[in-house]
């Protein structure tokens, strides 16, 4: 009878200790979660702020741009001035507009050139990367690692160094101001990046998968398309998106090698200057219209990246 109060007191202390431990664990857990999500939200705001600034600038008048007003309906009253300048405002959409026709022409040029060159770069770069990751080569003193570094070293050259050679070459080949000229050049430009990404992707795939497929009767190409390609799909999609972004935003060679027929959107964005200065609102509207397709494509292809990763993990 005399020991019962001691046991009850001991058990009560243990219960209170466990409760305090649980509360302290929950407090530290939620503190960590809040800190992590707070840092992520802050980083997202920093990354998205340029897009927000560009989009809001397209709805500003000149005084609002100069004053740096940022919040619509609070700091300034939104207007369609920037979108009117390129014929994409609600009032001008139903009317004929030479500026809108020019914008659609430049948009089509950018889409055709970027998509085609990115697809070619991924196709050729994947084949080259697969060969470098699976076979041994020797050309003069160069082996696989030297060949890979040679491709990657092409990115060291600044574009201005290649300006005159390409200008002379394209004039001789009659490729100036043509889509095919920019497609070939952009493919060569992003090809080293694709090879670098895909070589690393193929190197992580065990060779035993191909050996097992060959034992089952498949050849080299059969094993590649049946086994390796589905697993490497996320890397290919990532390489395609990166190539598309680089080629879509390229300005130097587009301005140098084109004039009227094959001009792209970056050239049109940079041309929004006149005797009155820079038309910030029209430049912002053009930039917003140019960025929107990349955002949509990135969201759509992100699903394919997740699906490809899941398929590769299952297989």
C-alpha atoms as a PDB file:
ATOM      1  CA  UNK A   1       0.000   0.000   0.000  1.00  0.00           C
ATOM      2  CA  UNK A   2       2.823   2.399   0.790  1.00  0.00           C
ATOM      3  CA  UNK A   3       4.565   1.872  -2.561  1.00  0.00           C
ATOM      4  CA  UNK A   4       1.606   2.800  -4.715  1.00  0.00           C
ATOM      5  CA  UNK A   5       1.972   6.597  -4.460  1.00  0.00           C
ATOM      6  CA  UNK A   6       5.652   6.283  -5.428  1.00  0.00           C
ATOM      7  CA  UNK A   7       4.823   4.250  -8.517  1.00  0.00           C
ATOM      8  CA  UNK A   8       2.054   6.646  -9.499  1.00  0.00           C
ATOM      9  CA  UNK A   9       4.343   9.630  -9.038  1.00  0.00           C
ATOM     10  CA  UNK A  10       7.085   7.955 -11.077  1.00  0.00           C
ATOM     11  CA  UNK A  11       4.694   7.092 -13.889  1.00  0.00           C
ATOM     12  CA  UNK A  12       3.254  10.623 -13.895  1.00  0.00           C
ATOM     13  CA  UNK A  13       6.752  12.111 -14.149  1.00  0.00           C
ATOM     14  CA  UNK A  14       7.553   9.776 -17.035  1.00  0.00           C
ATOM     15  CA  UNK A  15       4.350  10.794 -18.815  1.00  0.00           C
ATOM     16  CA  UNK A  16       5.140  14.491 -18.364  1.00  0.00           C
ATOM     17  CA  UNK A  17       8.717  13.887 -19.573  1.00  0.00           C
ATOM     18  CA  UNK A  18       7.460  12.099 -22.700  1.00  0.00           C
ATOM     19  CA  UNK A  19       4.951  14.891 -23.331  1.00  0.00           C
ATOM     20  CA  UNK A  20       7.683  17.531 -23.011  1.00  0.00           C
ATOM     21  CA  UNK A  21       9.925  15.560 -25.369  1.00  0.00           C
ATOM     22  CA  UNK A  22       7.108  15.215 -27.875  1.00  0.00           C
ATOM     23  CA  UNK A  23       6.295  18.948 -27.722  1.00  0.00           C
ATOM     24  CA  UNK A  24       9.975  19.840 -28.144  1.00  0.00           C
ATOM     25  CA  UNK A  25      10.257  17.465 -31.138  1.00  0.00           C
ATOM     26  CA  UNK A  26       7.154  18.965 -32.752  1.00  0.00           C
ATOM     27  CA  UNK A  27       8.413  22.509 -32.118  1.00  0.00           C
ATOM     28  CA  UNK A  28      11.809  21.750 -33.688  1.00  0.00           C
ATOM     29  CA  UNK A  29      10.107  19.935 -36.592  1.00  0.00           C
ATOM     30  CA  UNK A  30       7.783  22.829 -37.406  1.00  0.00           C
ATOM     31  CA  UNK A  31      10.566  25.370 -36.903  1.00  0.00           C
ATOM     32  CA  UNK A  32      12.693  23.509 -39.439  1.00  0.00           C
ATOM     33  CA  UNK A  33       9.817  23.206 -41.895  1.00  0.00           C
ATOM     34  CA  UNK A  34       8.973  26.907 -41.586  1.00  0.00           C
ATOM     35  CA  UNK A  35      12.626  27.855 -42.122  1.00  0.00           C
ATOM     36  CA  UNK A  36      12.929  25.613 -45.199  1.00  0.00           C
ATOM     37  CA  UNK A  37       9.680  26.782 -46.789  1.00  0.00           C
ATOM     38  CA  UNK A  38      10.496  30.385 -45.937  1.00  0.00           C
ATOM     39  CA  UNK A  39      13.851  30.093 -47.707  1.00  0.00           C
ATOM     40  CA  UNK A  40      12.195  28.426 -50.713  1.00  0.00           C
ATOM     41  CA  UNK A  41       9.512  31.107 -50.927  1.00  0.00           C
ATOM     42  CA  UNK A  42      12.157  33.838 -50.705  1.00  0.00           C
ATOM     43  CA  UNK A  43      14.191  32.200 -53.481  1.00  0.00           C
ATOM     44  CA  UNK A  44      11.071  31.799 -55.634  1.00  0.00           C
ATOM     45  CA  UNK A  45      10.255  35.494 -55.189  1.00  0.00           C
ATOM     46  CA  UNK A  46      13.818  36.454 -56.183  1.00  0.00           C
ATOM     47  CA  UNK A  47      13.691  34.226 -59.285  1.00  0.00           C
ATOM     48  CA  UNK A  48      10.200  35.297 -60.377  1.00  0.00           C
ATOM     49  CA  UNK A  49      10.636  39.000 -59.695  1.00  0.00           C
ATOM     50  CA  UNK A  50      12.229  39.810 -63.128  1.00  0.00           C
ATOM     51  CA  UNK A  51       9.258  38.161 -64.866  1.00  0.00           C
ATOM     52  CA  UNK A  52       6.835  40.083 -62.655  1.00  0.00           C
ATOM     53  CA  UNK A  53       8.659  43.344 -63.346  1.00  0.00           C
ATOM     54  CA  UNK A  54       8.647  42.702 -67.106  1.00  0.00           C
ATOM     55  CA  UNK A  55       4.962  41.801 -67.187  1.00  0.00           C
ATOM     56  CA  UNK A  56       3.878  44.814 -65.126  1.00  0.00           C
ATOM     57  CA  UNK A  57       6.075  47.139 -67.195  1.00  0.00           C
ATOM     58  CA  UNK A  58       4.134  46.146 -70.302  1.00  0.00           C
ATOM     59  CA  UNK A  59       1.044  47.736 -68.705  1.00  0.00           C
ATOM     60  CA  UNK A  60       2.730  50.974 -67.588  1.00  0.00           C
ATOM     61  CA  UNK A  61       2.843  54.425 -69.073  1.00  0.00           C
ATOM     62  CA  UNK A  62       6.137  56.283 -69.436  1.00  0.00           C
ATOM     63  CA  UNK A  63       5.906  58.194 -66.099  1.00  0.00           C
ATOM     64  CA  UNK A  64       5.152  54.968 -64.218  1.00  0.00           C
ATOM     65  CA  UNK A  65       8.195  53.291 -65.786  1.00  0.00           C
ATOM     66  CA  UNK A  66      10.490  56.155 -64.816  1.00  0.00           C
ATOM     67  CA  UNK A  67       9.123  56.333 -61.267  1.00  0.00           C
ATOM     68  CA  UNK A  68       9.573  52.617 -60.741  1.00  0.00           C
ATOM     69  CA  UNK A  69       5.976  51.957 -59.702  1.00  0.00           C
ATOM     70  CA  UNK A  70       5.557  48.241 -59.084  1.00  0.00           C
ATOM     71  CA  UNK A  71       2.070  47.312 -57.845  1.00  0.00           C
ATOM     72  CA  UNK A  72      -0.845  47.532 -60.326  1.00  0.00           C
ATOM     73  CA  UNK A  73      -3.966  49.403 -59.165  1.00  0.00           C
ATOM     74  CA  UNK A  74      -1.964  50.661 -56.174  1.00  0.00           C
ATOM     75  CA  UNK A  75       1.063  52.475 -57.583  1.00  0.00           C
ATOM     76  CA  UNK A  76      -0.273  52.861 -61.128  1.00  0.00           C
ATOM     77  CA  UNK A  77      -3.347  52.244 -63.284  1.00  0.00           C
ATOM     78  CA  UNK A  78      -2.623  49.454 -65.830  1.00  0.00           C
ATOM     79  CA  UNK A  79      -2.913  50.416 -69.504  1.00  0.00           C
ATOM     80  CA  UNK A  80      -2.572  48.387 -72.703  1.00  0.00           C
ATOM     81  CA  UNK A  81       0.036  50.738 -74.199  1.00  0.00           C
ATOM     82  CA  UNK A  82       2.797  48.137 -74.453  1.00  0.00           C
ATOM     83  CA  UNK A  83       0.528  45.544 -76.039  1.00  0.00           C
ATOM     84  CA  UNK A  84      -0.985  48.129 -78.379  1.00  0.00           C
ATOM     85  CA  UNK A  85       2.535  48.832 -79.673  1.00  0.00           C
ATOM     86  CA  UNK A  86       2.797  45.238 -80.954  1.00  0.00           C
ATOM     87  CA  UNK A  87      -0.852  44.881 -81.980  1.00  0.00           C
ATOM     88  CA  UNK A  88      -1.843  42.424 -79.246  1.00  0.00           C
ATOM     89  CA  UNK A  89      -4.174  44.565 -77.125  1.00  0.00           C
ATOM     90  CA  UNK A  90      -7.936  43.804 -77.010  1.00  0.00           C
ATOM     91  CA  UNK A  91      -8.649  46.900 -79.120  1.00  0.00           C
ATOM     92  CA  UNK A  92      -6.141  46.040 -81.875  1.00  0.00           C
ATOM     93  CA  UNK A  93      -6.660  42.275 -82.139  1.00  0.00           C
ATOM     94  CA  UNK A  94      -9.647  42.701 -84.439  1.00  0.00           C
ATOM     95  CA  UNK A  95      -7.811  45.125 -86.714  1.00  0.00           C
ATOM     96  CA  UNK A  96      -5.054  44.704 -89.255  1.00  0.00           C
ATOM     97  CA  UNK A  97      -1.641  45.473 -87.793  1.00  0.00           C
ATOM     98  CA  UNK A  98       1.703  45.411 -89.574  1.00  0.00           C
ATOM     99  CA  UNK A  99       3.498  45.279 -86.220  1.00  0.00           C
ATOM    100  CA  UNK A 100       1.516  42.212 -85.158  1.00  0.00           C
ATOM    101  CA  UNK A 101       2.222  40.552 -88.502  1.00  0.00           C
ATOM    102  CA  UNK A 102       5.927  41.235 -88.016  1.00  0.00           C
ATOM    103  CA  UNK A 103       5.761  39.858 -84.483  1.00  0.00           C
ATOM    104  CA  UNK A 104       4.079  36.655 -85.679  1.00  0.00           C
ATOM    105  CA  UNK A 105       6.699  36.314 -88.409  1.00  0.00           C
ATOM    106  CA  UNK A 106       9.549  36.675 -85.909  1.00  0.00           C
ATOM    107  CA  UNK A 107       7.772  34.320 -83.499  1.00  0.00           C
ATOM    108  CA  UNK A 108       7.419  31.681 -86.215  1.00  0.00           C
ATOM    109  CA  UNK A 109      11.085  32.049 -87.136  1.00  0.00           C
ATOM    110  CA  UNK A 110      12.149  31.623 -83.504  1.00  0.00           C
ATOM    111  CA  UNK A 111       9.886  28.600 -83.014  1.00  0.00           C
ATOM    112  CA  UNK A 112      10.979  26.799 -86.186  1.00  0.00           C
ATOM    113  CA  UNK A 113      14.686  27.527 -85.716  1.00  0.00           C
ATOM    114  CA  UNK A 114      14.800  26.725 -81.983  1.00  0.00           C
ATOM    115  CA  UNK A 115      12.703  23.552 -82.092  1.00  0.00           C
ATOM    116  CA  UNK A 116      14.489  22.141 -85.139  1.00  0.00           C
ATOM    117  CA  UNK A 117      18.019  22.920 -83.948  1.00  0.00           C
ATOM    118  CA  UNK A 118      17.286  21.604 -80.433  1.00  0.00           C
ATOM    119  CA  UNK A 119      15.804  18.373 -81.800  1.00  0.00           C
ATOM    120  CA  UNK A 120      18.784  17.871 -84.123  1.00  0.00           C
ATOM    121  CA  UNK A 121      21.230  18.594 -81.304  1.00  0.00           C
ATOM    122  CA  UNK A 122      19.527  16.090 -78.984  1.00  0.00           C
ATOM    123  CA  UNK A 123      19.435  13.443 -81.728  1.00  0.00           C
ATOM    124  CA  UNK A 124      23.063  13.817 -82.802  1.00  0.00           C
ATOM    125  CA  UNK A 125      24.357  14.553 -79.311  1.00  0.00           C
ATOM    126  CA  UNK A 126      22.644  11.482 -77.813  1.00  0.00           C
ATOM    127  CA  UNK A 127      24.172   9.201 -80.427  1.00  0.00           C
ATOM    128  CA  UNK A 128      27.621  10.713 -79.914  1.00  0.00           C
ATOM    129  CA  UNK A 129      27.312  10.527 -76.123  1.00  0.00           C
ATOM    130  CA  UNK A 130      26.145   6.909 -76.277  1.00  0.00           C
ATOM    131  CA  UNK A 131      29.136   5.971 -78.395  1.00  0.00           C
ATOM    132  CA  UNK A 132      31.556   7.758 -76.070  1.00  0.00           C
ATOM    133  CA  UNK A 133      30.059   6.060 -73.000  1.00  0.00           C
ATOM    134  CA  UNK A 134      29.951   2.525 -74.428  1.00  0.00           C
ATOM    135  CA  UNK A 135      32.854   2.168 -76.885  1.00  0.00           C
ATOM    136  CA  UNK A 136      36.569   2.967 -76.821  1.00  0.00           C
ATOM    137  CA  UNK A 137      37.900   5.296 -79.482  1.00  0.00           C
ATOM    138  CA  UNK A 138      41.367   6.490 -80.389  1.00  0.00           C
ATOM    139  CA  UNK A 139      42.081   9.171 -82.959  1.00  0.00           C
ATOM    140  CA  UNK A 140      45.742  10.219 -83.108  1.00  0.00           C
ATOM    141  CA  UNK A 141      46.567  10.908 -79.422  1.00  0.00           C
ATOM    142  CA  UNK A 142      42.924  11.496 -78.490  1.00  0.00           C
ATOM    143  CA  UNK A 143      40.896   8.914 -76.601  1.00  0.00           C
ATOM    144  CA  UNK A 144      37.347   9.046 -75.237  1.00  0.00           C
ATOM    145  CA  UNK A 145      38.059  11.550 -72.458  1.00  0.00           C
ATOM    146  CA  UNK A 146      40.043  13.755 -74.829  1.00  0.00           C
ATOM    147  CA  UNK A 147      37.258  13.681 -77.420  1.00  0.00           C
ATOM    148  CA  UNK A 148      34.683  14.575 -74.757  1.00  0.00           C
ATOM    149  CA  UNK A 149      36.833  17.464 -73.568  1.00  0.00           C
ATOM    150  CA  UNK A 150      37.287  18.616 -77.164  1.00  0.00           C
ATOM    151  CA  UNK A 151      33.524  18.904 -77.580  1.00  0.00           C
ATOM    152  CA  UNK A 152      33.167  20.715 -74.270  1.00  0.00           C
ATOM    153  CA  UNK A 153      36.059  23.080 -75.055  1.00  0.00           C
ATOM    154  CA  UNK A 154      34.094  24.513 -77.977  1.00  0.00           C
ATOM    155  CA  UNK A 155      32.069  26.469 -75.419  1.00  0.00           C
ATOM    156  CA  UNK A 156      35.194  28.392 -74.407  1.00  0.00           C
ATOM    157  CA  UNK A 157      35.292  30.337 -77.672  1.00  0.00           C
ATOM    158  CA  UNK A 158      33.414  33.655 -77.432  1.00  0.00           C
ATOM    159  CA  UNK A 159      30.870  34.147 -80.229  1.00  0.00           C
ATOM    160  CA  UNK A 160      32.558  37.340 -81.468  1.00  0.00           C
ATOM    161  CA  UNK A 161      35.632  35.295 -82.454  1.00  0.00           C
ATOM    162  CA  UNK A 162      33.489  33.261 -84.853  1.00  0.00           C
ATOM    163  CA  UNK A 163      31.584  36.230 -86.252  1.00  0.00           C
ATOM    164  CA  UNK A 164      33.792  37.008 -89.254  1.00  0.00           C
ATOM    165  CA  UNK A 165      34.450  33.369 -90.302  1.00  0.00           C
ATOM    166  CA  UNK A 166      30.750  32.525 -90.210  1.00  0.00           C
ATOM    167  CA  UNK A 167      29.833  35.726 -92.012  1.00  0.00           C
ATOM    168  CA  UNK A 168      32.225  34.960 -94.870  1.00  0.00           C
ATOM    169  CA  UNK A 169      31.282  31.272 -94.972  1.00  0.00           C
ATOM    170  CA  UNK A 170      27.536  31.956 -95.007  1.00  0.00           C
ATOM    171  CA  UNK A 171      27.941  34.556 -97.735  1.00  0.00           C
ATOM    172  CA  UNK A 172      29.781  32.029 -99.890  1.00  0.00           C
ATOM    173  CA  UNK A 173      27.193  29.320 -99.222  1.00  0.00           C
ATOM    174  CA  UNK A 174      24.265  31.708 -99.714  1.00  0.00           C
ATOM    175  CA  UNK A 175      22.984  30.999 -96.203  1.00  0.00           C
ATOM    176  CA  UNK A 176      22.704  34.592 -94.997  1.00  0.00           C
ATOM    177  CA  UNK A 177      19.226  35.559 -93.775  1.00  0.00           C
ATOM    178  CA  UNK A 178      17.913  31.984 -93.952  1.00  0.00           C
ATOM    179  CA  UNK A 179      16.343  29.725 -91.372  1.00  0.00           C
ATOM    180  CA  UNK A 180      18.488  26.767 -92.396  1.00  0.00           C
ATOM    181  CA  UNK A 181      21.609  28.830 -91.753  1.00  0.00           C
ATOM    182  CA  UNK A 182      20.610  29.589 -88.163  1.00  0.00           C
ATOM    183  CA  UNK A 183      19.415  26.012 -87.608  1.00  0.00           C
ATOM    184  CA  UNK A 184      22.817  24.607 -88.587  1.00  0.00           C
ATOM    185  CA  UNK A 185      24.669  27.167 -86.495  1.00  0.00           C
ATOM    186  CA  UNK A 186      22.474  26.745 -83.423  1.00  0.00           C
ATOM    187  CA  UNK A 187      22.767  22.953 -83.658  1.00  0.00           C
ATOM    188  CA  UNK A 188      26.557  23.242 -83.579  1.00  0.00           C
ATOM    189  CA  UNK A 189      26.335  25.757 -80.735  1.00  0.00           C
ATOM    190  CA  UNK A 190      24.333  23.589 -78.311  1.00  0.00           C
ATOM    191  CA  UNK A 191      25.690  20.212 -79.438  1.00  0.00           C
ATOM    192  CA  UNK A 192      28.585  20.196 -76.897  1.00  0.00           C
ATOM    193  CA  UNK A 193      26.153  20.823 -74.027  1.00  0.00           C
ATOM    194  CA  UNK A 194      23.901  17.972 -75.168  1.00  0.00           C
ATOM    195  CA  UNK A 195      26.865  15.588 -75.494  1.00  0.00           C
ATOM    196  CA  UNK A 196      28.063  16.546 -72.027  1.00  0.00           C
ATOM    197  CA  UNK A 197      24.641  16.003 -70.426  1.00  0.00           C
ATOM    198  CA  UNK A 198      23.842  12.779 -72.247  1.00  0.00           C
ATOM    199  CA  UNK A 199      27.278  11.205 -71.739  1.00  0.00           C
ATOM    200  CA  UNK A 200      26.813  11.604 -67.999  1.00  0.00           C
ATOM    201  CA  UNK A 201      23.281  10.188 -68.332  1.00  0.00           C
ATOM    202  CA  UNK A 202      24.392   7.100 -70.290  1.00  0.00           C
ATOM    203  CA  UNK A 203      27.346   6.490 -67.964  1.00  0.00           C
ATOM    204  CA  UNK A 204      24.961   5.955 -65.040  1.00  0.00           C
ATOM    205  CA  UNK A 205      23.082   3.178 -66.894  1.00  0.00           C
ATOM    206  CA  UNK A 206      24.597  -0.289 -66.231  1.00  0.00           C
ATOM    207  CA  UNK A 207      25.963  -2.060 -69.292  1.00  0.00           C
ATOM    208  CA  UNK A 208      24.483  -5.311 -67.949  1.00  0.00           C
ATOM    209  CA  UNK A 209      21.080  -4.177 -69.212  1.00  0.00           C
ATOM    210  CA  UNK A 210      22.317  -4.084 -72.794  1.00  0.00           C
ATOM    211  CA  UNK A 211      24.179  -7.364 -72.389  1.00  0.00           C
ATOM    212  CA  UNK A 212      21.011  -9.034 -71.127  1.00  0.00           C
ATOM    213  CA  UNK A 213      19.040  -7.587 -74.049  1.00  0.00           C
ATOM    214  CA  UNK A 214      21.624  -8.916 -76.523  1.00  0.00           C
ATOM    215  CA  UNK A 215      21.447 -12.339 -74.912  1.00  0.00           C
ATOM    216  CA  UNK A 216      17.696 -12.233 -75.570  1.00  0.00           C
ATOM    217  CA  UNK A 217      18.397 -11.648 -79.264  1.00  0.00           C
ATOM    218  CA  UNK A 218      18.460  -7.857 -79.626  1.00  0.00           C
ATOM    219  CA  UNK A 219      21.225  -6.052 -81.460  1.00  0.00           C
ATOM    220  CA  UNK A 220      23.030  -2.848 -80.464  1.00  0.00           C
ATOM    221  CA  UNK A 221      20.324  -0.602 -81.910  1.00  0.00           C
ATOM    222  CA  UNK A 222      17.534  -2.799 -80.553  1.00  0.00           C
ATOM    223  CA  UNK A 223      18.984  -2.624 -77.058  1.00  0.00           C
ATOM    224  CA  UNK A 224      19.456   1.112 -77.382  1.00  0.00           C
ATOM    225  CA  UNK A 225      15.899   1.897 -78.474  1.00  0.00           C
ATOM    226  CA  UNK A 226      14.201  -0.718 -76.265  1.00  0.00           C
ATOM    227  CA  UNK A 227      16.167  -0.512 -73.018  1.00  0.00           C
ATOM    228  CA  UNK A 228      18.486   2.497 -72.903  1.00  0.00           C
ATOM    229  CA  UNK A 229      16.326   5.151 -74.553  1.00  0.00           C
ATOM    230  CA  UNK A 230      13.375   4.932 -72.100  1.00  0.00           C
ATOM    231  CA  UNK A 231      15.760   5.140 -69.136  1.00  0.00           C
ATOM    232  CA  UNK A 232      17.693   8.078 -70.621  1.00  0.00           C
ATOM    233  CA  UNK A 233      14.526   9.955 -71.590  1.00  0.00           C
ATOM    234  CA  UNK A 234      14.615  12.385 -68.603  1.00  0.00           C
ATOM    235  CA  UNK A 235      18.143  13.461 -69.546  1.00  0.00           C
ATOM    236  CA  UNK A 236      17.146  13.907 -73.177  1.00  0.00           C
ATOM    237  CA  UNK A 237      14.170  16.059 -72.200  1.00  0.00           C
ATOM    238  CA  UNK A 238      16.378  18.147 -69.905  1.00  0.00           C
ATOM    239  CA  UNK A 239      18.950  18.576 -72.687  1.00  0.00           C
ATOM    240  CA  UNK A 240      16.183  19.535 -75.124  1.00  0.00           C
ATOM    241  CA  UNK A 241      14.756  22.169 -72.757  1.00  0.00           C
ATOM    242  CA  UNK A 242      18.199  23.658 -72.110  1.00  0.00           C
ATOM    243  CA  UNK A 243      18.979  23.720 -75.837  1.00  0.00           C
ATOM    244  CA  UNK A 244      15.611  25.296 -76.579  1.00  0.00           C
ATOM    245  CA  UNK A 245      16.131  28.058 -74.023  1.00  0.00           C
ATOM    246  CA  UNK A 246      19.627  28.833 -75.323  1.00  0.00           C
ATOM    247  CA  UNK A 247      18.615  28.903 -78.980  1.00  0.00           C
ATOM    248  CA  UNK A 248      15.371  30.800 -78.352  1.00  0.00           C
ATOM    249  CA  UNK A 249      17.218  33.579 -76.519  1.00  0.00           C
ATOM    250  CA  UNK A 250      20.261  33.766 -78.808  1.00  0.00           C
ATOM    251  CA  UNK A 251      20.769  37.275 -80.157  1.00  0.00           C
ATOM    252  CA  UNK A 252      24.307  37.779 -81.461  1.00  0.00           C
ATOM    253  CA  UNK A 253      24.309  35.471 -84.482  1.00  0.00           C
ATOM    254  CA  UNK A 254      20.644  36.164 -85.232  1.00  0.00           C
ATOM    255  CA  UNK A 255      21.426  39.876 -85.511  1.00  0.00           C
ATOM    256  CA  UNK A 256      24.639  39.259 -87.453  1.00  0.00           C
ATOM    257  CA  UNK A 257      23.500  36.682 -90.006  1.00  0.00           C
ATOM    258  CA  UNK A 258      19.896  37.786 -90.673  1.00  0.00           C
ATOM    259  CA  UNK A 259      18.254  40.961 -91.912  1.00  0.00           C
ATOM    260  CA  UNK A 260      14.591  40.618 -92.906  1.00  0.00           C
ATOM    261  CA  UNK A 261      13.500  37.050 -93.664  1.00  0.00           C
ATOM    262  CA  UNK A 262      14.921  35.020 -90.767  1.00  0.00           C
ATOM    263  CA  UNK A 263      15.006  37.572 -87.953  1.00  0.00           C
ATOM    264  CA  UNK A 264      14.042  36.156 -84.557  1.00  0.00           C
ATOM    265  CA  UNK A 265      12.261  37.557 -81.506  1.00  0.00           C
ATOM    266  CA  UNK A 266      15.397  38.622 -79.561  1.00  0.00           C
ATOM    267  CA  UNK A 267      16.379  40.852 -82.483  1.00  0.00           C
ATOM    268  CA  UNK A 268      12.911  42.411 -82.503  1.00  0.00           C
ATOM    269  CA  UNK A 269      13.023  42.962 -78.729  1.00  0.00           C
ATOM    270  CA  UNK A 270      16.400  44.694 -78.975  1.00  0.00           C
ATOM    271  CA  UNK A 271      15.144  46.940 -81.782  1.00  0.00           C
ATOM    272  CA  UNK A 272      12.568  48.744 -79.625  1.00  0.00           C
ATOM    273  CA  UNK A 273      14.524  51.986 -79.651  1.00  0.00           C
ATOM    274  CA  UNK A 274      13.937  55.221 -81.520  1.00  0.00           C
ATOM    275  CA  UNK A 275      14.597  58.923 -81.535  1.00  0.00           C
ATOM    276  CA  UNK A 276      12.492  59.275 -78.372  1.00  0.00           C
ATOM    277  CA  UNK A 277      14.532  56.680 -76.498  1.00  0.00           C
ATOM    278  CA  UNK A 278      13.716  53.120 -75.495  1.00  0.00           C
ATOM    279  CA  UNK A 279      10.074  52.001 -75.603  1.00  0.00           C
ATOM    280  CA  UNK A 280      10.170  50.118 -72.330  1.00  0.00           C
ATOM    281  CA  UNK A 281       6.483  49.172 -72.449  1.00  0.00           C
ATOM    282  CA  UNK A 282       6.649  47.621 -75.927  1.00  0.00           C
ATOM    283  CA  UNK A 283       9.961  45.919 -75.111  1.00  0.00           C
ATOM    284  CA  UNK A 284       8.389  44.486 -71.956  1.00  0.00           C
ATOM    285  CA  UNK A 285       5.321  43.307 -73.895  1.00  0.00           C
ATOM    286  CA  UNK A 286       7.523  41.611 -76.493  1.00  0.00           C
ATOM    287  CA  UNK A 287       9.642  40.007 -73.781  1.00  0.00           C
ATOM    288  CA  UNK A 288       6.541  38.721 -71.978  1.00  0.00           C
ATOM    289  CA  UNK A 289       5.136  37.277 -75.207  1.00  0.00           C
ATOM    290  CA  UNK A 290       8.503  35.670 -75.953  1.00  0.00           C
ATOM    291  CA  UNK A 291       8.902  34.113 -72.492  1.00  0.00           C
ATOM    292  CA  UNK A 292       5.366  32.729 -72.244  1.00  0.00           C
ATOM    293  CA  UNK A 293       5.877  29.804 -74.702  1.00  0.00           C
ATOM    294  CA  UNK A 294       8.993  28.681 -72.820  1.00  0.00           C
ATOM    295  CA  UNK A 295       7.099  28.730 -69.526  1.00  0.00           C
ATOM    296  CA  UNK A 296       4.244  26.687 -70.971  1.00  0.00           C
ATOM    297  CA  UNK A 297       6.615  24.220 -72.643  1.00  0.00           C
ATOM    298  CA  UNK A 298       8.597  23.821 -69.439  1.00  0.00           C
ATOM    299  CA  UNK A 299       5.456  23.031 -67.444  1.00  0.00           C
ATOM    300  CA  UNK A 300       4.278  20.504 -70.044  1.00  0.00           C
ATOM    301  CA  UNK A 301       7.635  18.760 -70.400  1.00  0.00           C
ATOM    302  CA  UNK A 302       8.113  18.627 -66.631  1.00  0.00           C
ATOM    303  CA  UNK A 303       5.393  16.007 -66.522  1.00  0.00           C
ATOM    304  CA  UNK A 304       7.257  13.956 -69.102  1.00  0.00           C
ATOM    305  CA  UNK A 305      10.456  14.220 -67.044  1.00  0.00           C
ATOM    306  CA  UNK A 306       8.677  12.792 -63.977  1.00  0.00           C
ATOM    307  CA  UNK A 307       7.016  10.100 -66.074  1.00  0.00           C
ATOM    308  CA  UNK A 308      10.319   9.153 -67.697  1.00  0.00           C
ATOM    309  CA  UNK A 309      12.077   8.977 -64.326  1.00  0.00           C
ATOM    310  CA  UNK A 310       9.338   6.743 -62.927  1.00  0.00           C
ATOM    311  CA  UNK A 311       9.447   4.470 -65.984  1.00  0.00           C
ATOM    312  CA  UNK A 312      13.230   4.241 -65.790  1.00  0.00           C
ATOM    313  CA  UNK A 313      13.098   3.379 -62.079  1.00  0.00           C
ATOM    314  CA  UNK A 314      10.536   0.636 -62.678  1.00  0.00           C
ATOM    315  CA  UNK A 315      12.484  -0.899 -65.518  1.00  0.00           C
END
